[in-house]
Amino acid sequence: MLVIAVENVPPRLRGRLAIWMVEVRAGLYVANLSRRVREMIWDQVMQGCEEGNAAMIWKTNTESGYDIATYGKNRRIPVDFDGIRLVSFLPPDTEDNLEDDGDGIGE
């Protein structure tokens, strides 16, 4: 299972995602794809995201049963807490809170 959520991305990226996945709601895509295709789609998301942001969740063999990757600025930052993936919600005011390290994978 693969889920991708995008916000404020160009329509061409949303259309591209709709080729490979089902758009359940605006900006929310779901599919059951291989690891290779998932990585190819995530590369497409990072290249086409521009000023928007994206989050990808996929089923994997971890303690929580899933993993998370994010790209772009967002107040919700994935964190690892003793092997369990959680989401930290940052205060809205500071620009430093919205920095992305650019690796496509949240901390």
PDB file of N, CA and C in Angstrom:
ATOM      1  N   MET A   1       0.846  -1.179   0.000  1.00  0.00           N
ATOM      2  CA  MET A   1       0.000   0.000   0.000  1.00  0.00           C
ATOM      3  C   MET A   1       0.883   1.231   0.000  1.00  0.00           C
ATOM      4  N   LEU A   2       0.562   2.155  -0.831  1.00  0.00           N
ATOM      5  CA  LEU A   2       1.290   3.412  -0.955  1.00  0.00           C
ATOM      6  C   LEU A   2       0.299   4.552  -0.952  1.00  0.00           C
ATOM      7  N   VAL A   3       0.562   5.564  -0.115  1.00  0.00           N
ATOM      8  CA  VAL A   3      -0.281   6.755  -0.049  1.00  0.00           C
ATOM      9  C   VAL A   3       0.617   7.972  -0.214  1.00  0.00           C
ATOM     10  N   ILE A   4       0.210   8.884  -1.076  1.00  0.00           N
ATOM     11  CA  ILE A   4       0.918  10.145  -1.260  1.00  0.00           C
ATOM     12  C   ILE A   4      -0.085  11.277  -1.108  1.00  0.00           C
ATOM     13  N   ALA A   5       0.279  12.271  -0.292  1.00  0.00           N
ATOM     14  CA  ALA A   5      -0.520  13.483  -0.135  1.00  0.00           C
ATOM     15  C   ALA A   5       0.315  14.668  -0.588  1.00  0.00           C
ATOM     16  N   VAL A   6      -0.257  15.515  -1.430  1.00  0.00           N
ATOM     17  CA  VAL A   6       0.456  16.693  -1.918  1.00  0.00           C
ATOM     18  C   VAL A   6      -0.382  17.935  -1.652  1.00  0.00           C
ATOM     19  N   GLU A   7       0.325  19.070  -1.412  1.00  0.00           N
ATOM     20  CA  GLU A   7      -0.325  20.363  -1.215  1.00  0.00           C
ATOM     21  C   GLU A   7       0.405  21.407  -2.040  1.00  0.00           C
ATOM     22  N   ASN A   8      -0.338  22.283  -2.675  1.00  0.00           N
ATOM     23  CA  ASN A   8       0.220  23.426  -3.419  1.00  0.00           C
ATOM     24  C   ASN A   8       1.244  23.006  -4.466  1.00  0.00           C
ATOM     25  N   VAL A   9       0.991  21.916  -5.137  1.00  0.00           N
ATOM     26  CA  VAL A   9       1.899  21.473  -6.204  1.00  0.00           C
ATOM     27  C   VAL A   9       1.288  21.836  -7.553  1.00  0.00           C
ATOM     28  N   PRO A  10       2.101  21.932  -8.585  1.00  0.00           N
ATOM     29  CA  PRO A  10       1.582  22.257  -9.916  1.00  0.00           C
ATOM     30  C   PRO A  10       0.606  21.184 -10.416  1.00  0.00           C
ATOM     31  N   PRO A  11      -0.378  21.609 -11.202  1.00  0.00           N
ATOM     32  CA  PRO A  11      -1.353  20.640 -11.736  1.00  0.00           C
ATOM     33  C   PRO A  11      -0.711  19.513 -12.541  1.00  0.00           C
ATOM     34  N   ARG A  12       0.412  19.800 -13.194  1.00  0.00           N
ATOM     35  CA  ARG A  12       1.058  18.744 -13.990  1.00  0.00           C
ATOM     36  C   ARG A  12       1.553  17.598 -13.107  1.00  0.00           C
ATOM     37  N   LEU A  13       2.004  17.911 -11.878  1.00  0.00           N
ATOM     38  CA  LEU A  13       2.428  16.839 -10.976  1.00  0.00           C
ATOM     39  C   LEU A  13       1.217  16.039 -10.510  1.00  0.00           C
ATOM     40  N   ARG A  14       0.129  16.717 -10.213  1.00  0.00           N
ATOM     41  CA  ARG A  14      -1.085  16.000  -9.794  1.00  0.00           C
ATOM     42  C   ARG A  14      -1.581  15.087 -10.916  1.00  0.00           C
ATOM     43  N   GLY A  15      -1.525  15.580 -12.148  1.00  0.00           N
ATOM     44  CA  GLY A  15      -1.926  14.754 -13.280  1.00  0.00           C
ATOM     45  C   GLY A  15      -1.010  13.560 -13.465  1.00  0.00           C
ATOM     46  N   ARG A  16       0.276  13.789 -13.233  1.00  0.00           N
ATOM     47  CA  ARG A  16       1.256  12.699 -13.364  1.00  0.00           C
ATOM     48  C   ARG A  16       0.996  11.629 -12.302  1.00  0.00           C
ATOM     49  N   LEU A  17       0.711  12.052 -11.081  1.00  0.00           N
ATOM     50  CA  LEU A  17       0.409  11.085 -10.014  1.00  0.00           C
ATOM     51  C   LEU A  17      -0.856  10.298 -10.335  1.00  0.00           C
ATOM     52  N   ALA A  18      -1.826  10.971 -10.951  1.00  0.00           N
ATOM     53  CA  ALA A  18      -3.095  10.310 -11.281  1.00  0.00           C
ATOM     54  C   ALA A  18      -2.921   9.231 -12.342  1.00  0.00           C
ATOM     55  N   ILE A  19      -1.801   9.258 -13.075  1.00  0.00           N
ATOM     56  CA  ILE A  19      -1.531   8.198 -14.051  1.00  0.00           C
ATOM     57  C   ILE A  19      -1.238   6.884 -13.339  1.00  0.00           C
ATOM     58  N   TRP A  20      -0.497   6.950 -12.246  1.00  0.00           N
ATOM     59  CA  TRP A  20      -0.053   5.741 -11.549  1.00  0.00           C
ATOM     60  C   TRP A  20      -0.943   5.360 -10.376  1.00  0.00           C
ATOM     61  N   MET A  21      -1.674   6.343  -9.826  1.00  0.00           N
ATOM     62  CA  MET A  21      -2.404   6.101  -8.580  1.00  0.00           C
ATOM     63  C   MET A  21      -3.830   6.620  -8.699  1.00  0.00           C
ATOM     64  N   VAL A  22      -4.677   6.217  -7.741  1.00  0.00           N
ATOM     65  CA  VAL A  22      -6.058   6.691  -7.696  1.00  0.00           C
ATOM     66  C   VAL A  22      -6.102   7.920  -6.794  1.00  0.00           C
ATOM     67  N   GLU A  23      -6.700   9.007  -7.294  1.00  0.00           N
ATOM     68  CA  GLU A  23      -6.841  10.229  -6.499  1.00  0.00           C
ATOM     69  C   GLU A  23      -8.153  10.141  -5.726  1.00  0.00           C
ATOM     70  N   VAL A  24      -8.050   9.793  -4.451  1.00  0.00           N
ATOM     71  CA  VAL A  24      -9.218   9.582  -3.605  1.00  0.00           C
ATOM     72  C   VAL A  24      -9.878  10.912  -3.247  1.00  0.00           C
ATOM     73  N   ARG A  25      -9.072  11.889  -2.890  1.00  0.00           N
ATOM     74  CA  ARG A  25      -9.503  13.255  -2.621  1.00  0.00           C
ATOM     75  C   ARG A  25      -8.500  14.172  -3.298  1.00  0.00           C
ATOM     76  N   ALA A  26      -8.788  15.450  -3.326  1.00  0.00           N
ATOM     77  CA  ALA A  26      -7.845  16.378  -3.955  1.00  0.00           C
ATOM     78  C   ALA A  26      -6.481  16.283  -3.274  1.00  0.00           C
ATOM     79  N   GLY A  27      -5.480  15.855  -4.013  1.00  0.00           N
ATOM     80  CA  GLY A  27      -4.125  15.780  -3.500  1.00  0.00           C
ATOM     81  C   GLY A  27      -3.813  14.531  -2.702  1.00  0.00           C
ATOM     82  N   LEU A  28      -4.733  13.587  -2.617  1.00  0.00           N
ATOM     83  CA  LEU A  28      -4.510  12.345  -1.863  1.00  0.00           C
ATOM     84  C   LEU A  28      -4.596  11.159  -2.825  1.00  0.00           C
ATOM     85  N   TYR A  29      -3.479  10.435  -2.948  1.00  0.00           N
ATOM     86  CA  TYR A  29      -3.360   9.350  -3.921  1.00  0.00           C
ATOM     87  C   TYR A  29      -3.053   8.042  -3.208  1.00  0.00           C
ATOM     88  N   VAL A  30      -3.599   6.953  -3.736  1.00  0.00           N
ATOM     89  CA  VAL A  30      -3.362   5.640  -3.144  1.00  0.00           C
ATOM     90  C   VAL A  30      -3.153   4.618  -4.260  1.00  0.00           C
ATOM     91  N   ALA A  31      -2.274   3.644  -3.985  1.00  0.00           N
ATOM     92  CA  ALA A  31      -2.017   2.569  -4.943  1.00  0.00           C
ATOM     93  C   ALA A  31      -1.256   1.457  -4.231  1.00  0.00           C
ATOM     94  N   ASN A  32      -1.176   0.335  -4.882  1.00  0.00           N
ATOM     95  CA  ASN A  32      -0.380  -0.779  -4.402  1.00  0.00           C
ATOM     96  C   ASN A  32       0.686  -1.051  -5.461  1.00  0.00           C
ATOM     97  N   LEU A  33       1.883  -0.499  -5.245  1.00  0.00           N
ATOM     98  CA  LEU A  33       2.937  -0.529  -6.253  1.00  0.00           C
ATOM     99  C   LEU A  33       4.204  -1.140  -5.676  1.00  0.00           C
ATOM    100  N   SER A  34       5.091  -1.550  -6.553  1.00  0.00           N
ATOM    101  CA  SER A  34       6.367  -2.125  -6.120  1.00  0.00           C
ATOM    102  C   SER A  34       7.292  -1.033  -5.577  1.00  0.00           C
ATOM    103  N   ARG A  35       8.334  -1.480  -4.889  1.00  0.00           N
ATOM    104  CA  ARG A  35       9.316  -0.542  -4.340  1.00  0.00           C
ATOM    105  C   ARG A  35       9.969   0.283  -5.442  1.00  0.00           C
ATOM    106  N   ARG A  36      10.299  -0.361  -6.517  1.00  0.00           N
ATOM    107  CA  ARG A  36      10.958   0.331  -7.633  1.00  0.00           C
ATOM    108  C   ARG A  36      10.066   1.441  -8.197  1.00  0.00           C
ATOM    109  N   VAL A  37       8.791   1.136  -8.396  1.00  0.00           N
ATOM    110  CA  VAL A  37       7.860   2.150  -8.923  1.00  0.00           C
ATOM    111  C   VAL A  37       7.652   3.253  -7.881  1.00  0.00           C
ATOM    112  N   ARG A  38       7.554   2.860  -6.602  1.00  0.00           N
ATOM    113  CA  ARG A  38       7.386   3.855  -5.534  1.00  0.00           C
ATOM    114  C   ARG A  38       8.551   4.845  -5.542  1.00  0.00           C
ATOM    115  N   GLU A  39       9.765   4.343  -5.648  1.00  0.00           N
ATOM    116  CA  GLU A  39      10.933   5.220  -5.660  1.00  0.00           C
ATOM    117  C   GLU A  39      10.952   6.114  -6.901  1.00  0.00           C
ATOM    118  N   MET A  40      10.521   5.586  -8.027  1.00  0.00           N
ATOM    119  CA  MET A  40      10.464   6.384  -9.251  1.00  0.00           C
ATOM    120  C   MET A  40       9.425   7.497  -9.098  1.00  0.00           C
ATOM    121  N   ILE A  41       8.260   7.167  -8.525  1.00  0.00           N
ATOM    122  CA  ILE A  41       7.216   8.177  -8.320  1.00  0.00           C
ATOM    123  C   ILE A  41       7.700   9.246  -7.346  1.00  0.00           C
ATOM    124  N   TRP A  42       8.386   8.837  -6.277  1.00  0.00           N
ATOM    125  CA  TRP A  42       8.863   9.822  -5.302  1.00  0.00           C
ATOM    126  C   TRP A  42       9.901  10.753  -5.933  1.00  0.00           C
ATOM    127  N   ASP A  43      10.741  10.238  -6.800  1.00  0.00           N
ATOM    128  CA  ASP A  43      11.667  11.097  -7.543  1.00  0.00           C
ATOM    129  C   ASP A  43      10.900  12.121  -8.379  1.00  0.00           C
ATOM    130  N   GLN A  44       9.818  11.684  -9.015  1.00  0.00           N
ATOM    131  CA  GLN A  44       8.987  12.591  -9.814  1.00  0.00           C
ATOM    132  C   GLN A  44       8.363  13.672  -8.927  1.00  0.00           C
ATOM    133  N   VAL A  45       7.914  13.266  -7.732  1.00  0.00           N
ATOM    134  CA  VAL A  45       7.308  14.220  -6.798  1.00  0.00           C
ATOM    135  C   VAL A  45       8.337  15.267  -6.376  1.00  0.00           C
ATOM    136  N   MET A  46       9.543  14.835  -6.017  1.00  0.00           N
ATOM    137  CA  MET A  46      10.569  15.782  -5.566  1.00  0.00           C
ATOM    138  C   MET A  46      10.989  16.721  -6.694  1.00  0.00           C
ATOM    139  N   GLN A  47      11.013  16.245  -7.915  1.00  0.00           N
ATOM    140  CA  GLN A  47      11.403  17.092  -9.046  1.00  0.00           C
ATOM    141  C   GLN A  47      10.309  18.084  -9.420  1.00  0.00           C
ATOM    142  N   GLY A  48       9.035  17.698  -9.239  1.00  0.00           N
ATOM    143  CA  GLY A  48       7.933  18.533  -9.705  1.00  0.00           C
ATOM    144  C   GLY A  48       7.197  19.286  -8.628  1.00  0.00           C
ATOM    145  N   CYS A  49       7.625  19.195  -7.390  1.00  0.00           N
ATOM    146  CA  CYS A  49       6.895  19.760  -6.257  1.00  0.00           C
ATOM    147  C   CYS A  49       6.947  21.295  -6.230  1.00  0.00           C
ATOM    148  N   GLU A  50       8.024  21.878  -6.722  1.00  0.00           N
ATOM    149  CA  GLU A  50       8.248  23.323  -6.688  1.00  0.00           C
ATOM    150  C   GLU A  50       8.044  23.874  -5.283  1.00  0.00           C
ATOM    151  N   GLU A  51       7.109  24.821  -5.058  1.00  0.00           N
ATOM    152  CA  GLU A  51       6.924  25.427  -3.736  1.00  0.00           C
ATOM    153  C   GLU A  51       5.974  24.625  -2.849  1.00  0.00           C
ATOM    154  N   GLY A  52       5.417  23.557  -3.353  1.00  0.00           N
ATOM    155  CA  GLY A  52       4.470  22.759  -2.580  1.00  0.00           C
ATOM    156  C   GLY A  52       5.181  21.794  -1.641  1.00  0.00           C
ATOM    157  N   ASN A  53       4.399  20.909  -1.059  1.00  0.00           N
ATOM    158  CA  ASN A  53       4.977  19.890  -0.187  1.00  0.00           C
ATOM    159  C   ASN A  53       4.255  18.573  -0.400  1.00  0.00           C
ATOM    160  N   ALA A  54       4.918  17.509   0.034  1.00  0.00           N
ATOM    161  CA  ALA A  54       4.361  16.177  -0.180  1.00  0.00           C
ATOM    162  C   ALA A  54       4.755  15.255   0.965  1.00  0.00           C
ATOM    163  N   ALA A  55       3.917  14.276   1.210  1.00  0.00           N
ATOM    164  CA  ALA A  55       4.218  13.221   2.173  1.00  0.00           C
ATOM    165  C   ALA A  55       3.873  11.885   1.528  1.00  0.00           C
ATOM    166  N   MET A  56       4.739  10.910   1.751  1.00  0.00           N
ATOM    167  CA  MET A  56       4.507   9.570   1.214  1.00  0.00           C
ATOM    168  C   MET A  56       4.565   8.572   2.368  1.00  0.00           C
ATOM    169  N   ILE A  57       3.580   7.700   2.433  1.00  0.00           N
ATOM    170  CA  ILE A  57       3.513   6.654   3.454  1.00  0.00           C
ATOM    171  C   ILE A  57       3.387   5.324   2.730  1.00  0.00           C
ATOM    172  N   TRP A  58       4.198   4.350   3.141  1.00  0.00           N
ATOM    173  CA  TRP A  58       4.122   3.037   2.523  1.00  0.00           C
ATOM    174  C   TRP A  58       4.293   1.948   3.572  1.00  0.00           C
ATOM    175  N   LYS A  59       3.713   0.810   3.262  1.00  0.00           N
ATOM    176  CA  LYS A  59       3.793  -0.342   4.140  1.00  0.00           C
ATOM    177  C   LYS A  59       5.202  -0.920   4.074  1.00  0.00           C
ATOM    178  N   THR A  60       5.767  -1.218   5.242  1.00  0.00           N
ATOM    179  CA  THR A  60       7.104  -1.794   5.278  1.00  0.00           C
ATOM    180  C   THR A  60       7.254  -2.633   6.537  1.00  0.00           C
ATOM    181  N   ASN A  61       8.356  -3.327   6.636  1.00  0.00           N
ATOM    182  CA  ASN A  61       8.588  -4.228   7.749  1.00  0.00           C
ATOM    183  C   ASN A  61       9.303  -3.497   8.889  1.00  0.00           C
ATOM    184  N   THR A  62       8.601  -2.601   9.547  1.00  0.00           N
ATOM    185  CA  THR A  62       9.146  -1.871  10.694  1.00  0.00           C
ATOM    186  C   THR A  62       8.227  -2.093  11.888  1.00  0.00           C
ATOM    187  N   GLU A  63       8.629  -1.543  13.035  1.00  0.00           N
ATOM    188  CA  GLU A  63       7.825  -1.692  14.247  1.00  0.00           C
ATOM    189  C   GLU A  63       6.403  -1.166  14.062  1.00  0.00           C
ATOM    190  N   SER A  64       6.285  -0.026  13.403  1.00  0.00           N
ATOM    191  CA  SER A  64       4.963   0.565  13.191  1.00  0.00           C
ATOM    192  C   SER A  64       4.248  -0.012  11.969  1.00  0.00           C
ATOM    193  N   GLY A  65       4.963  -0.704  11.094  1.00  0.00           N
ATOM    194  CA  GLY A  65       4.337  -1.301   9.915  1.00  0.00           C
ATOM    195  C   GLY A  65       4.310  -0.385   8.707  1.00  0.00           C
ATOM    196  N   TYR A  66       4.825   0.820   8.852  1.00  0.00           N
ATOM    197  CA  TYR A  66       4.864   1.765   7.736  1.00  0.00           C
ATOM    198  C   TYR A  66       6.072   2.677   7.905  1.00  0.00           C
ATOM    199  N   ASP A  67       6.367   3.406   6.851  1.00  0.00           N
ATOM    200  CA  ASP A  67       7.411   4.421   6.920  1.00  0.00           C
ATOM    201  C   ASP A  67       6.896   5.676   6.232  1.00  0.00           C
ATOM    202  N   ILE A  68       7.559   6.790   6.510  1.00  0.00           N
ATOM    203  CA  ILE A  68       7.098   8.085   6.030  1.00  0.00           C
ATOM    204  C   ILE A  68       8.270   8.817   5.388  1.00  0.00           C
ATOM    205  N   ALA A  69       8.009   9.456   4.255  1.00  0.00           N
ATOM    206  CA  ALA A  69       8.963  10.385   3.634  1.00  0.00           C
ATOM    207  C   ALA A  69       8.221  11.681   3.374  1.00  0.00           C
ATOM    208  N   THR A  70       8.903  12.798   3.556  1.00  0.00           N
ATOM    209  CA  THR A  70       8.280  14.091   3.282  1.00  0.00           C
ATOM    210  C   THR A  70       9.207  14.918   2.410  1.00  0.00           C
ATOM    211  N   TYR A  71       8.612  15.892   1.760  1.00  0.00           N
ATOM    212  CA  TYR A  71       9.388  16.821   0.936  1.00  0.00           C
ATOM    213  C   TYR A  71       8.702  18.178   0.977  1.00  0.00           C
ATOM    214  N   GLY A  72       9.491  19.236   1.067  1.00  0.00           N
ATOM    215  CA  GLY A  72       8.947  20.587   1.077  1.00  0.00           C
ATOM    216  C   GLY A  72       8.677  21.067   2.492  1.00  0.00           C
ATOM    217  N   LYS A  73       8.258  22.319   2.581  1.00  0.00           N
ATOM    218  CA  LYS A  73       8.032  22.951   3.872  1.00  0.00           C
ATOM    219  C   LYS A  73       6.664  22.583   4.424  1.00  0.00           C
ATOM    220  N   ASN A  74       6.677  22.165   5.696  1.00  0.00           N
ATOM    221  CA  ASN A  74       5.437  21.844   6.386  1.00  0.00           C
ATOM    222  C   ASN A  74       5.716  21.838   7.879  1.00  0.00           C
ATOM    223  N   ARG A  75       4.715  22.174   8.674  1.00  0.00           N
ATOM    224  CA  ARG A  75       4.889  22.201  10.124  1.00  0.00           C
ATOM    225  C   ARG A  75       4.904  20.802  10.719  1.00  0.00           C
ATOM    226  N   ARG A  76       4.419  19.821  10.022  1.00  0.00           N
ATOM    227  CA  ARG A  76       4.398  18.445  10.523  1.00  0.00           C
ATOM    228  C   ARG A  76       5.651  17.730  10.021  1.00  0.00           C
ATOM    229  N   ILE A  77       6.473  17.326  10.971  1.00  0.00           N
ATOM    230  CA  ILE A  77       7.753  16.709  10.644  1.00  0.00           C
ATOM    231  C   ILE A  77       7.788  15.288  11.215  1.00  0.00           C
ATOM    232  N   PRO A  78       8.019  14.279  10.365  1.00  0.00           N
ATOM    233  CA  PRO A  78       8.132  12.918  10.880  1.00  0.00           C
ATOM    234  C   PRO A  78       9.383  12.762  11.750  1.00  0.00           C
ATOM    235  N   VAL A  79       9.252  12.064  12.856  1.00  0.00           N
ATOM    236  CA  VAL A  79      10.372  11.797  13.746  1.00  0.00           C
ATOM    237  C   VAL A  79      10.380  10.309  14.103  1.00  0.00           C
ATOM    238  N   ASP A  80      11.565   9.829  14.419  1.00  0.00           N
ATOM    239  CA  ASP A  80      11.713   8.446  14.845  1.00  0.00           C
ATOM    240  C   ASP A  80      11.847   8.430  16.370  1.00  0.00           C
ATOM    241  N   PHE A  81      10.965   7.720  17.045  1.00  0.00           N
ATOM    242  CA  PHE A  81      10.990   7.640  18.495  1.00  0.00           C
ATOM    243  C   PHE A  81      11.132   6.174  18.875  1.00  0.00           C
ATOM    244  N   ASP A  82      12.367   5.743  19.154  1.00  0.00           N
ATOM    245  CA  ASP A  82      12.661   4.346  19.489  1.00  0.00           C
ATOM    246  C   ASP A  82      12.104   3.380  18.454  1.00  0.00           C
ATOM    247  N   GLY A  83      12.285   3.707  17.188  1.00  0.00           N
ATOM    248  CA  GLY A  83      11.860   2.836  16.106  1.00  0.00           C
ATOM    249  C   GLY A  83      10.424   3.013  15.673  1.00  0.00           C
ATOM    250  N   ILE A  84       9.684   3.860  16.337  1.00  0.00           N
ATOM    251  CA  ILE A  84       8.296   4.124  15.970  1.00  0.00           C
ATOM    252  C   ILE A  84       8.226   5.486  15.294  1.00  0.00           C
ATOM    253  N   ARG A  85       7.606   5.545  14.143  1.00  0.00           N
ATOM    254  CA  ARG A  85       7.488   6.797  13.407  1.00  0.00           C
ATOM    255  C   ARG A  85       6.320   7.606  13.965  1.00  0.00           C
ATOM    256  N   LEU A  86       6.634   8.814  14.401  1.00  0.00           N
ATOM    257  CA  LEU A  86       5.632   9.741  14.913  1.00  0.00           C
ATOM    258  C   LEU A  86       5.744  11.044  14.130  1.00  0.00           C
ATOM    259  N   VAL A  87       4.815  11.959  14.374  1.00  0.00           N
ATOM    260  CA  VAL A  87       4.833  13.248  13.693  1.00  0.00           C
ATOM    261  C   VAL A  87       4.901  14.348  14.730  1.00  0.00           C
ATOM    262  N   SER A  88       5.900  15.217  14.581  1.00  0.00           N
ATOM    263  CA  SER A  88       6.060  16.373  15.452  1.00  0.00           C
ATOM    264  C   SER A  88       5.375  17.563  14.789  1.00  0.00           C
ATOM    265  N   PHE A  89       4.617  18.309  15.571  1.00  0.00           N
ATOM    266  CA  PHE A  89       3.893  19.461  15.050  1.00  0.00           C
ATOM    267  C   PHE A  89       4.573  20.710  15.571  1.00  0.00           C
ATOM    268  N   LEU A  90       5.195  21.472  14.687  1.00  0.00           N
ATOM    269  CA  LEU A  90       6.007  22.617  15.074  1.00  0.00           C
ATOM    270  C   LEU A  90       5.168  23.877  15.213  1.00  0.00           C
ATOM    271  N   PRO A  91       5.624  24.830  16.044  1.00  0.00           N
ATOM    272  CA  PRO A  91       4.918  26.109  16.158  1.00  0.00           C
ATOM    273  C   PRO A  91       4.922  26.839  14.822  1.00  0.00           C
ATOM    274  N   PRO A  92       3.926  27.686  14.563  1.00  0.00           N
ATOM    275  CA  PRO A  92       3.770  28.292  13.239  1.00  0.00           C
ATOM    276  C   PRO A  92       4.648  29.493  12.946  1.00  0.00           C
ATOM    277  N   ASP A  93       5.265  30.138  13.906  1.00  0.00           N
ATOM    278  CA  ASP A  93       5.840  31.456  13.688  1.00  0.00           C
ATOM    279  C   ASP A  93       7.219  31.494  13.055  1.00  0.00           C
ATOM    280  N   THR A  94       8.111  30.609  13.374  1.00  0.00           N
ATOM    281  CA  THR A  94       9.493  30.762  12.941  1.00  0.00           C
ATOM    282  C   THR A  94       9.748  30.093  11.605  1.00  0.00           C
ATOM    283  N   GLU A  95      10.535  30.775  10.775  1.00  0.00           N
ATOM    284  CA  GLU A  95      10.922  30.226   9.478  1.00  0.00           C
ATOM    285  C   GLU A  95      11.830  29.015   9.631  1.00  0.00           C
ATOM    286  N   ASP A  96      12.605  28.983  10.712  1.00  0.00           N
ATOM    287  CA  ASP A  96      13.514  27.864  10.934  1.00  0.00           C
ATOM    288  C   ASP A  96      12.760  26.554  11.065  1.00  0.00           C
ATOM    289  N   ASN A  97      11.540  26.627  11.541  1.00  0.00           N
ATOM    290  CA  ASN A  97      10.746  25.411  11.715  1.00  0.00           C
ATOM    291  C   ASN A  97      10.311  24.809  10.396  1.00  0.00           C
ATOM    292  N   LEU A  98      10.343  25.587   9.348  1.00  0.00           N
ATOM    293  CA  LEU A  98       9.848  25.123   8.071  1.00  0.00           C
ATOM    294  C   LEU A  98      10.957  24.667   7.136  1.00  0.00           C
ATOM    295  N   GLU A  99      12.178  24.629   7.610  1.00  0.00           N
ATOM    296  CA  GLU A  99      13.293  24.210   6.764  1.00  0.00           C
ATOM    297  C   GLU A  99      13.228  22.724   6.471  1.00  0.00           C
ATOM    298  N   ASP A 100      13.585  22.371   5.265  1.00  0.00           N
ATOM    299  CA  ASP A 100      13.663  20.981   4.835  1.00  0.00           C
ATOM    300  C   ASP A 100      15.120  20.712   4.497  1.00  0.00           C
ATOM    301  N   ASP A 101      15.617  19.558   4.914  1.00  0.00           N
ATOM    302  CA  ASP A 101      17.017  19.264   4.650  1.00  0.00           C
ATOM    303  C   ASP A 101      17.273  18.846   3.211  1.00  0.00           C
ATOM    304  N   GLY A 102      16.218  18.682   2.422  1.00  0.00           N
ATOM    305  CA  GLY A 102      16.365  18.424   1.008  1.00  0.00           C
ATOM    306  C   GLY A 102      16.651  17.000   0.624  1.00  0.00           C
ATOM    307  N   ASP A 103      16.702  16.087   1.595  1.00  0.00           N
ATOM    308  CA  ASP A 103      16.973  14.698   1.235  1.00  0.00           C
ATOM    309  C   ASP A 103      15.710  13.938   0.888  1.00  0.00           C
ATOM    310  N   GLY A 104      14.549  14.583   1.060  1.00  0.00           N
ATOM    311  CA  GLY A 104      13.297  13.935   0.713  1.00  0.00           C
ATOM    312  C   GLY A 104      12.766  13.027   1.781  1.00  0.00           C
ATOM    313  N   ILE A 105      13.504  12.849   2.835  1.00  0.00           N
ATOM    314  CA  ILE A 105      13.060  11.988   3.914  1.00  0.00           C
ATOM    315  C   ILE A 105      13.110  12.788   5.200  1.00  0.00           C
ATOM    316  N   GLY A 106      11.990  12.813   5.919  1.00  0.00           N
ATOM    317  CA  GLY A 106      11.935  13.567   7.152  1.00  0.00           C
ATOM    318  C   GLY A 106      12.773  12.928   8.238  1.00  0.00           C
ATOM    319  N   GLU A 107      13.054  13.688   9.237  1.00  0.00           N
ATOM    320  CA  GLU A 107      13.873  13.197  10.354  1.00  0.00           C
ATOM    321  C   GLU A 107      13.088  12.269  11.234  1.00  0.00           C
TER     322      GLU A 107
END
